Amino acid sequence: MVKEIIFLVEEAEEGGYIARALGYSIFTEAENIEELKEMIVDAVKCHFDEKDMPSLIRMHIVKDEVIAI
């Protein structure tokens, strides 16, 4: 059983957010973080059987910032 699954979350170029699970073929996207959380939970439930369901989902949110000099 997987104890924890980690999603890398990035801002999408066209707006909103995209998330992908590290080590699994699970991808999802949403317009805002709250909706993304729901989409991630739904995607995890679709990917795993109940007996293999992770007990924790961690979101690692990456934000690129550019500083002009």
Protein backbone atom coordinates (compact mmCIF):
# COMPACT_ATOMS: atom_id res chain seq x y z
CA MET A 1 0.00 0.00 0.00
CA VAL A 2 1.23 3.47 -0.88
CA LYS A 3 1.32 5.70 2.19
CA GLU A 4 1.69 9.04 0.43
CA ILE A 5 1.51 10.37 -3.11
CA ILE A 6 3.15 13.63 -4.15
CA PHE A 7 1.83 15.95 -6.85
CA LEU A 8 3.97 18.61 -8.51
CA VAL A 9 1.72 21.64 -9.09
CA GLU A 10 2.62 24.40 -11.55
CA GLU A 11 0.85 27.40 -12.99
CA ALA A 12 -0.35 26.68 -16.53
CA GLU A 13 0.72 29.09 -19.28
CA GLU A 14 -2.88 29.61 -20.33
CA GLY A 15 -4.02 30.18 -16.73
CA GLY A 16 -5.02 27.86 -13.94
CA TYR A 17 -2.89 25.03 -12.60
CA ILE A 18 -1.64 21.64 -13.71
CA ALA A 19 -0.69 18.79 -11.38
CA ARG A 20 1.17 15.56 -12.02
CA ALA A 21 1.91 12.76 -9.61
CA LEU A 22 5.54 11.84 -9.08
CA GLY A 23 6.07 8.19 -10.00
CA TYR A 24 2.54 7.62 -11.33
CA SER A 25 0.73 8.41 -14.58
CA ILE A 26 -1.77 10.76 -12.95
CA PHE A 27 -2.33 14.24 -14.42
CA THR A 28 -5.05 16.81 -13.83
CA GLU A 29 -5.72 20.53 -14.16
CA ALA A 30 -8.06 23.19 -12.78
CA GLU A 31 -8.72 26.93 -12.77
CA ASN A 32 -7.84 27.47 -9.08
CA ILE A 33 -6.14 25.68 -6.18
CA GLU A 34 -9.36 24.66 -4.40
CA GLU A 35 -10.74 23.07 -7.57
CA LEU A 36 -7.36 21.45 -8.20
CA LYS A 37 -7.45 19.77 -4.79
CA GLU A 38 -10.82 18.22 -5.66
CA MET A 39 -9.55 17.12 -9.07
CA ILE A 40 -6.44 15.54 -7.52
CA VAL A 41 -8.49 13.56 -5.00
CA ASP A 42 -10.81 12.38 -7.79
CA ALA A 43 -7.86 11.38 -10.00
CA VAL A 44 -6.22 9.42 -7.15
CA LYS A 45 -9.50 7.61 -6.40
CA CYS A 46 -9.79 6.66 -10.08
CA HIS A 47 -6.19 5.45 -10.29
CA PHE A 48 -5.98 3.24 -7.18
CA ASP A 49 -8.06 0.35 -5.90
CA GLU A 50 -9.49 0.94 -2.43
CA LYS A 51 -6.97 -1.45 -0.83
CA ASP A 52 -4.04 0.39 -2.49
CA MET A 53 -5.32 3.94 -1.89
CA PRO A 54 -2.68 6.29 -0.39
CA SER A 55 -3.57 7.75 2.97
CA LEU A 56 -1.98 11.16 2.22
CA ILE A 57 -1.73 13.44 -0.79
CA ARG A 58 1.01 16.05 -0.76
CA MET A 59 0.96 19.01 -3.15
CA HIS A 60 4.33 20.55 -3.96
CA ILE A 61 3.46 23.92 -5.49
CA VAL A 62 6.16 25.41 -7.73
CA LYS A 63 5.97 29.05 -8.78
CA ASP A 64 8.40 30.65 -11.19
CA GLU A 65 9.22 34.27 -10.55
CA VAL A 66 11.40 36.41 -12.75
CA ILE A 67 13.34 39.33 -11.32
CA ALA A 68 14.56 41.92 -13.78
CA ILE A 69 17.91 43.56 -13.12
